[in-house]
Amino acid sequence: MMDEPLSGLDPMVRSSIIKGLISFVDLEKQTVIITTHELQEIEPLLDSVILIKNGVILDQKRVEAIRRNENLSLSDWMVEKYGD
Protein backbone atom coordinates (compact mmCIF):
# COMPACT_ATOMS: atom_id res chain seq x y z
CA MET A 1 0.00 0.00 0.00
CA MET A 2 1.32 3.43 -0.95
CA ASP A 3 -0.04 6.73 0.34
CA GLU A 4 0.53 9.63 -2.08
CA PRO A 5 3.80 8.10 -3.39
CA LEU A 6 4.37 10.81 -6.02
CA SER A 7 3.47 13.82 -3.90
CA GLY A 8 6.09 16.57 -3.92
CA LEU A 9 8.48 14.77 -6.27
CA ASP A 10 10.15 16.33 -9.27
CA PRO A 11 9.11 15.01 -12.72
CA MET A 12 12.24 12.86 -13.24
CA VAL A 13 11.84 11.04 -9.93
CA ARG A 14 8.07 10.70 -10.43
CA SER A 15 8.64 9.11 -13.86
CA SER A 16 11.23 6.74 -12.42
CA ILE A 17 8.88 5.63 -9.64
CA ILE A 18 6.02 5.03 -12.10
CA LYS A 19 8.30 2.90 -14.32
CA GLY A 20 9.49 0.98 -11.27
CA LEU A 21 5.93 0.30 -10.11
CA ILE A 22 4.92 -0.91 -13.58
CA SER A 23 7.93 -3.28 -13.63
CA PHE A 24 7.17 -4.52 -10.11
CA VAL A 25 3.53 -5.27 -10.86
CA ASP A 26 4.39 -6.99 -14.17
CA LEU A 27 7.21 -9.06 -12.67
CA GLU A 28 5.74 -9.95 -9.29
CA LYS A 29 2.07 -10.14 -10.32
CA GLN A 30 1.15 -8.26 -7.15
CA THR A 31 -1.63 -5.84 -6.39
CA VAL A 32 -0.54 -2.38 -5.29
CA ILE A 33 -3.01 -0.10 -3.52
CA ILE A 34 -2.26 3.58 -4.07
CA THR A 35 -4.06 6.45 -2.37
CA THR A 36 -3.87 9.72 -4.26
CA HIS A 37 -5.68 12.88 -5.18
CA GLU A 38 -3.84 13.02 -8.51
CA LEU A 39 -5.39 10.33 -10.69
CA GLN A 40 -3.82 11.61 -13.89
CA GLU A 41 -0.33 10.92 -12.49
CA ILE A 42 -1.01 7.26 -11.78
CA GLU A 43 -3.59 6.51 -14.47
CA PRO A 44 -1.05 4.51 -16.55
CA LEU A 45 -0.65 2.12 -13.60
CA LEU A 46 -4.30 1.41 -12.96
CA ASP A 47 -6.48 -1.57 -13.76
CA SER A 48 -9.22 -0.54 -11.34
CA VAL A 49 -10.22 2.51 -9.35
CA ILE A 50 -12.12 2.69 -6.06
CA LEU A 51 -13.50 6.02 -4.88
CA ILE A 52 -13.76 6.34 -1.10
CA LYS A 53 -15.20 9.26 0.85
CA ASN A 54 -15.33 9.34 4.65
CA GLY A 55 -14.56 5.62 4.75
CA VAL A 56 -17.44 4.69 2.43
CA ILE A 57 -16.84 3.18 -1.02
CA LEU A 58 -18.71 5.37 -3.50
CA ASP A 59 -17.78 3.47 -6.64
CA GLN A 60 -15.49 0.78 -7.97
CA LYS A 61 -14.81 0.33 -11.67
CA ARG A 62 -12.31 -1.13 -14.09
CA VAL A 63 -10.40 1.64 -15.85
CA GLU A 64 -11.12 0.15 -19.28
CA ALA A 65 -14.87 0.28 -18.55
CA ILE A 66 -14.67 3.96 -17.64
CA ARG A 67 -12.77 4.77 -20.81
CA ARG A 68 -15.06 2.63 -22.98
CA ASN A 69 -18.48 3.34 -21.45
CA GLU A 70 -18.02 6.82 -20.05
CA ASN A 71 -15.57 8.11 -22.69
CA LEU A 72 -13.84 10.22 -20.00
CA SER A 73 -10.48 10.40 -18.28
CA LEU A 74 -10.52 9.10 -14.72
CA SER A 75 -10.31 12.61 -13.28
CA ASP A 76 -13.16 13.86 -15.48
CA TRP A 77 -15.27 10.79 -14.61
CA MET A 78 -14.73 11.34 -10.89
CA VAL A 79 -15.61 15.04 -11.05
CA GLU A 80 -18.61 14.49 -13.33
CA LYS A 81 -20.00 11.71 -11.18
CA TYR A 82 -19.12 12.90 -7.66
CA GLY A 83 -18.33 16.60 -7.87
CA ASP A 84 -15.11 17.77 -6.37
Foldseek 3Di string as FASTA:
>chain_A
DEEAPCPPHDPVVLVVVLVVLQVCCVVVVDDDDYDDPDCVSNVVVAQKDWDDDPRDTPDIDGQVCCCVVVVDHPVVVCCVVPND
